[in-house]
Amino acid sequence: MTNKPVTPHAGPTLDGDGHLTYIGDDGRRYVVGLPPEIDEDSVERVMTMLRGNSPLFQDIERLCHRWIKAVSSEELDAQAALVLLLTTLETALEDAYPDISAD
């Protein structure tokens, strides 16, 4: 099975379990999240450390808030601006690191 990119057909929403999901142009529902082989407790520990002690992470977070505020408008609310930011960053980083697999 090949892993072709899927274009979201609609913006992401939170489902009843609190997962971020979207419907792809292929009609399938996709759940956005960590791959099952990643230990969520380890990820949470690293994220807590980054949030508390990393000036770089704090700079990135500050820039994200600034970007969301700059692009939010009546046509694009803050949630949609956040989704656009994350999608744009993912695309830019995937292009910069083509040897990293999303699998």
N, C-alpha and C. Protein backbone atom coordinates (compact mmCIF):
# COMPACT_ATOMS: atom_id res chain seq x y z
N MET A 1 0.84 -1.17 0.00
CA MET A 1 0.00 0.00 0.00
C MET A 1 0.89 1.24 0.00
N THR A 2 0.65 2.15 -0.92
CA THR A 2 1.45 3.37 -0.97
C THR A 2 0.82 4.44 -0.09
N ASN A 3 1.67 5.28 0.46
CA ASN A 3 1.20 6.36 1.31
C ASN A 3 1.14 7.65 0.51
N LYS A 4 0.04 7.86 -0.19
CA LYS A 4 -0.16 9.09 -0.95
C LYS A 4 -0.71 10.15 0.00
N PRO A 5 -0.33 11.41 -0.23
CA PRO A 5 -0.90 12.47 0.60
C PRO A 5 -2.41 12.55 0.42
N VAL A 6 -3.10 12.87 1.50
CA VAL A 6 -4.55 13.01 1.46
C VAL A 6 -4.88 14.47 1.71
N THR A 7 -5.66 15.04 0.84
CA THR A 7 -6.08 16.43 1.00
C THR A 7 -7.33 16.46 1.85
N PRO A 8 -7.31 17.26 2.93
CA PRO A 8 -8.53 17.36 3.74
C PRO A 8 -9.67 17.93 2.92
N HIS A 9 -10.83 17.32 3.05
CA HIS A 9 -12.03 17.78 2.35
C HIS A 9 -12.71 18.89 3.15
N ALA A 10 -12.52 18.87 4.46
CA ALA A 10 -13.09 19.87 5.35
C ALA A 10 -12.09 20.13 6.47
N GLY A 11 -12.30 21.21 7.17
CA GLY A 11 -11.40 21.55 8.28
C GLY A 11 -11.50 20.52 9.39
N PRO A 12 -10.44 20.40 10.19
CA PRO A 12 -10.45 19.44 11.28
C PRO A 12 -11.44 19.84 12.38
N THR A 13 -11.95 18.82 13.05
CA THR A 13 -12.86 19.03 14.18
C THR A 13 -12.47 18.08 15.30
N LEU A 14 -12.95 18.35 16.49
CA LEU A 14 -12.75 17.44 17.61
C LEU A 14 -13.92 16.47 17.65
N ASP A 15 -13.60 15.17 17.74
CA ASP A 15 -14.67 14.19 17.83
C ASP A 15 -15.11 14.03 19.29
N GLY A 16 -16.01 13.13 19.53
CA GLY A 16 -16.55 12.90 20.87
C GLY A 16 -15.51 12.47 21.89
N ASP A 17 -14.41 11.88 21.43
CA ASP A 17 -13.35 11.44 22.33
C ASP A 17 -12.25 12.49 22.50
N GLY A 18 -12.43 13.66 21.87
CA GLY A 18 -11.44 14.72 21.98
C GLY A 18 -10.29 14.62 21.00
N HIS A 19 -10.40 13.73 19.99
CA HIS A 19 -9.37 13.60 18.98
C HIS A 19 -9.61 14.58 17.84
N LEU A 20 -8.53 15.16 17.33
CA LEU A 20 -8.63 16.03 16.17
C LEU A 20 -8.77 15.15 14.93
N THR A 21 -9.84 15.33 14.16
CA THR A 21 -10.10 14.49 13.00
C THR A 21 -10.48 15.36 11.80
N TYR A 22 -10.33 14.78 10.62
CA TYR A 22 -10.79 15.44 9.41
C TYR A 22 -11.19 14.38 8.40
N ILE A 23 -12.00 14.80 7.42
CA ILE A 23 -12.41 13.93 6.33
C ILE A 23 -11.53 14.25 5.13
N GLY A 24 -10.90 13.23 4.58
CA GLY A 24 -10.02 13.41 3.43
C GLY A 24 -10.80 13.46 2.14
N ASP A 25 -10.12 13.88 1.07
CA ASP A 25 -10.78 13.94 -0.24
C ASP A 25 -11.16 12.55 -0.75
N ASP A 26 -10.65 11.51 -0.07
CA ASP A 26 -11.02 10.15 -0.42
C ASP A 26 -12.25 9.67 0.34
N GLY A 27 -12.84 10.55 1.19
CA GLY A 27 -14.04 10.21 1.94
C GLY A 27 -13.78 9.51 3.26
N ARG A 28 -12.53 9.20 3.56
CA ARG A 28 -12.20 8.52 4.81
C ARG A 28 -11.97 9.52 5.93
N ARG A 29 -12.23 9.08 7.16
CA ARG A 29 -12.00 9.92 8.34
C ARG A 29 -10.59 9.65 8.84
N TYR A 30 -9.85 10.72 9.14
CA TYR A 30 -8.48 10.61 9.63
C TYR A 30 -8.38 11.21 11.02
N VAL A 31 -7.67 10.54 11.89
CA VAL A 31 -7.42 11.02 13.24
C VAL A 31 -5.99 11.54 13.28
N VAL A 32 -5.85 12.78 13.72
CA VAL A 32 -4.54 13.39 13.82
C VAL A 32 -3.99 13.08 15.20
N GLY A 33 -2.79 12.52 15.26
CA GLY A 33 -2.22 12.20 16.56
C GLY A 33 -0.90 11.48 16.43
N LEU A 34 -0.40 11.05 17.55
CA LEU A 34 0.86 10.33 17.58
C LEU A 34 0.70 8.92 17.06
N PRO A 35 1.72 8.40 16.37
CA PRO A 35 1.67 7.00 15.97
C PRO A 35 1.58 6.10 17.20
N PRO A 36 0.92 4.94 17.08
CA PRO A 36 0.70 4.08 18.24
C PRO A 36 1.97 3.59 18.92
N GLU A 37 3.08 3.52 18.18
CA GLU A 37 4.31 3.00 18.79
C GLU A 37 5.03 4.03 19.66
N ILE A 38 4.56 5.27 19.67
CA ILE A 38 5.19 6.30 20.49
C ILE A 38 4.59 6.27 21.89
N ASP A 39 5.46 6.27 22.88
CA ASP A 39 5.04 6.26 24.27
C ASP A 39 4.57 7.66 24.66
N GLU A 40 3.27 7.81 24.87
CA GLU A 40 2.70 9.12 25.16
C GLU A 40 3.25 9.72 26.44
N ASP A 41 3.56 8.89 27.44
CA ASP A 41 4.12 9.42 28.69
C ASP A 41 5.49 10.05 28.45
N SER A 42 6.32 9.41 27.62
CA SER A 42 7.64 9.96 27.30
C SER A 42 7.50 11.27 26.55
N VAL A 43 6.58 11.33 25.60
CA VAL A 43 6.35 12.55 24.84
C VAL A 43 5.89 13.66 25.78
N GLU A 44 5.00 13.35 26.68
CA GLU A 44 4.49 14.36 27.62
C GLU A 44 5.61 14.88 28.52
N ARG A 45 6.51 14.00 28.98
CA ARG A 45 7.64 14.44 29.80
C ARG A 45 8.54 15.39 29.02
N VAL A 46 8.83 15.04 27.78
CA VAL A 46 9.69 15.90 26.96
C VAL A 46 9.01 17.24 26.71
N MET A 47 7.72 17.23 26.37
CA MET A 47 7.00 18.47 26.12
C MET A 47 6.95 19.35 27.37
N THR A 48 6.76 18.75 28.53
CA THR A 48 6.75 19.52 29.78
C THR A 48 8.10 20.17 30.01
N MET A 49 9.18 19.43 29.77
CA MET A 49 10.52 19.96 29.93
C MET A 49 10.75 21.12 28.95
N LEU A 50 10.35 20.93 27.69
CA LEU A 50 10.53 21.98 26.68
C LEU A 50 9.76 23.24 27.04
N ARG A 51 8.52 23.07 27.44
CA ARG A 51 7.69 24.23 27.78
C ARG A 51 8.28 25.02 28.95
N GLY A 52 8.83 24.33 29.91
CA GLY A 52 9.30 24.99 31.11
C GLY A 52 10.71 25.54 31.03
N ASN A 53 11.58 24.92 30.26
CA ASN A 53 12.99 25.25 30.34
C ASN A 53 13.64 25.69 29.04
N SER A 54 12.91 25.73 27.97
CA SER A 54 13.56 25.96 26.68
C SER A 54 13.22 27.35 26.13
N PRO A 55 14.21 28.25 26.12
CA PRO A 55 13.95 29.55 25.51
C PRO A 55 13.58 29.42 24.02
N LEU A 56 14.14 28.45 23.34
CA LEU A 56 13.81 28.25 21.93
C LEU A 56 12.34 27.89 21.77
N PHE A 57 11.84 26.97 22.59
CA PHE A 57 10.42 26.60 22.51
C PHE A 57 9.55 27.80 22.83
N GLN A 58 9.93 28.58 23.84
CA GLN A 58 9.16 29.76 24.20
C GLN A 58 9.14 30.78 23.05
N ASP A 59 10.27 30.92 22.34
CA ASP A 59 10.32 31.80 21.17
C ASP A 59 9.39 31.31 20.07
N ILE A 60 9.42 30.01 19.82
CA ILE A 60 8.55 29.43 18.79
C ILE A 60 7.08 29.64 19.16
N GLU A 61 6.74 29.37 20.41
CA GLU A 61 5.36 29.55 20.87
C GLU A 61 4.93 31.01 20.73
N ARG A 62 5.78 31.94 21.11
CA ARG A 62 5.49 33.37 21.01
C ARG A 62 5.26 33.77 19.54
N LEU A 63 6.11 33.27 18.66
CA LEU A 63 5.94 33.56 17.22
C LEU A 63 4.64 32.97 16.67
N CYS A 64 4.27 31.79 17.13
CA CYS A 64 3.01 31.18 16.69
C CYS A 64 1.82 32.04 17.12
N HIS A 65 1.84 32.50 18.37
CA HIS A 65 0.76 33.37 18.84
C HIS A 65 0.69 34.64 18.00
N ARG A 66 1.86 35.19 17.69
CA ARG A 66 1.92 36.41 16.88
C ARG A 66 1.36 36.16 15.48
N TRP A 67 1.70 35.01 14.88
CA TRP A 67 1.22 34.67 13.54
C TRP A 67 -0.29 34.49 13.54
N ILE A 68 -0.80 33.75 14.53
CA ILE A 68 -2.25 33.51 14.61
C ILE A 68 -3.00 34.83 14.75
N LYS A 69 -2.48 35.71 15.61
CA LYS A 69 -3.12 37.02 15.79
C LYS A 69 -3.09 37.82 14.49
N ALA A 70 -1.99 37.75 13.75
CA ALA A 70 -1.84 38.52 12.51
C ALA A 70 -2.77 38.03 11.40
N VAL A 71 -3.02 36.72 11.31
CA VAL A 71 -3.83 36.21 10.19
C VAL A 71 -5.29 35.99 10.55
N SER A 72 -5.63 36.04 11.84
CA SER A 72 -7.03 35.87 12.24
C SER A 72 -7.84 37.08 11.80
N SER A 73 -9.06 36.80 11.37
CA SER A 73 -9.96 37.86 10.91
C SER A 73 -11.38 37.33 10.98
N GLU A 74 -12.31 38.10 10.44
CA GLU A 74 -13.69 37.62 10.39
C GLU A 74 -13.81 36.38 9.51
N GLU A 75 -12.99 36.30 8.45
CA GLU A 75 -13.06 35.16 7.54
C GLU A 75 -12.28 33.95 8.05
N LEU A 76 -11.32 34.19 8.96
CA LEU A 76 -10.46 33.12 9.45
C LEU A 76 -10.32 33.26 10.96
N ASP A 77 -11.10 32.46 11.70
CA ASP A 77 -11.03 32.58 13.16
C ASP A 77 -9.71 31.99 13.68
N ALA A 78 -9.44 32.17 14.96
CA ALA A 78 -8.17 31.75 15.54
C ALA A 78 -7.95 30.25 15.40
N GLN A 79 -8.99 29.43 15.53
CA GLN A 79 -8.84 27.98 15.40
C GLN A 79 -8.44 27.61 13.98
N ALA A 80 -9.07 28.22 12.99
CA ALA A 80 -8.72 27.95 11.60
C ALA A 80 -7.31 28.45 11.30
N ALA A 81 -6.93 29.59 11.90
CA ALA A 81 -5.57 30.11 11.71
C ALA A 81 -4.54 29.15 12.30
N LEU A 82 -4.86 28.55 13.44
CA LEU A 82 -3.97 27.56 14.05
C LEU A 82 -3.80 26.35 13.14
N VAL A 83 -4.90 25.85 12.61
CA VAL A 83 -4.83 24.70 11.71
C VAL A 83 -4.01 25.05 10.47
N LEU A 84 -4.21 26.23 9.93
CA LEU A 84 -3.45 26.67 8.77
C LEU A 84 -1.96 26.76 9.10
N LEU A 85 -1.64 27.30 10.28
CA LEU A 85 -0.24 27.40 10.70
C LEU A 85 0.39 26.02 10.79
N LEU A 86 -0.26 25.09 11.46
CA LEU A 86 0.31 23.75 11.64
C LEU A 86 0.46 23.01 10.32
N THR A 87 -0.52 23.15 9.46
CA THR A 87 -0.46 22.51 8.14
C THR A 87 0.68 23.10 7.31
N THR A 88 0.81 24.42 7.35
CA THR A 88 1.87 25.09 6.60
C THR A 88 3.24 24.69 7.13
N LEU A 89 3.39 24.66 8.45
CA LEU A 89 4.66 24.24 9.05
C LEU A 89 4.99 22.80 8.68
N GLU A 90 4.00 21.92 8.76
CA GLU A 90 4.24 20.52 8.42
C GLU A 90 4.71 20.38 6.98
N THR A 91 4.05 21.08 6.09
CA THR A 91 4.44 21.02 4.67
C THR A 91 5.85 21.56 4.47
N ALA A 92 6.14 22.70 5.07
CA ALA A 92 7.47 23.30 4.91
C ALA A 92 8.56 22.39 5.47
N LEU A 93 8.31 21.79 6.62
CA LEU A 93 9.32 20.93 7.24
C LEU A 93 9.47 19.61 6.50
N GLU A 94 8.37 19.07 5.99
CA GLU A 94 8.47 17.85 5.20
C GLU A 94 9.29 18.10 3.94
N ASP A 95 9.12 19.26 3.33
CA ASP A 95 9.89 19.60 2.13
C ASP A 95 11.37 19.77 2.47
N ALA A 96 11.66 20.29 3.67
CA ALA A 96 13.05 20.52 4.08
C ALA A 96 13.74 19.22 4.50
N TYR A 97 12.96 18.24 4.94
CA TYR A 97 13.52 16.98 5.42
C TYR A 97 12.84 15.80 4.70
N PRO A 98 13.10 15.66 3.40
CA PRO A 98 12.40 14.64 2.62
C PRO A 98 12.74 13.20 3.02
N ASP A 99 13.84 12.99 3.70
CA ASP A 99 14.23 11.63 4.07
C ASP A 99 13.56 11.13 5.34
N ILE A 100 12.85 12.02 6.03
CA ILE A 100 12.14 11.63 7.25
C ILE A 100 10.79 11.11 6.86
N SER A 101 10.49 9.90 7.26
CA SER A 101 9.22 9.30 6.92
C SER A 101 8.16 9.65 7.95
N ALA A 102 6.94 9.90 7.51
CA ALA A 102 5.82 10.17 8.42
C ALA A 102 5.23 8.88 8.96
N ASP A 103 5.71 7.74 8.54
CA ASP A 103 5.17 6.46 8.98
C ASP A 103 5.49 6.17 10.42
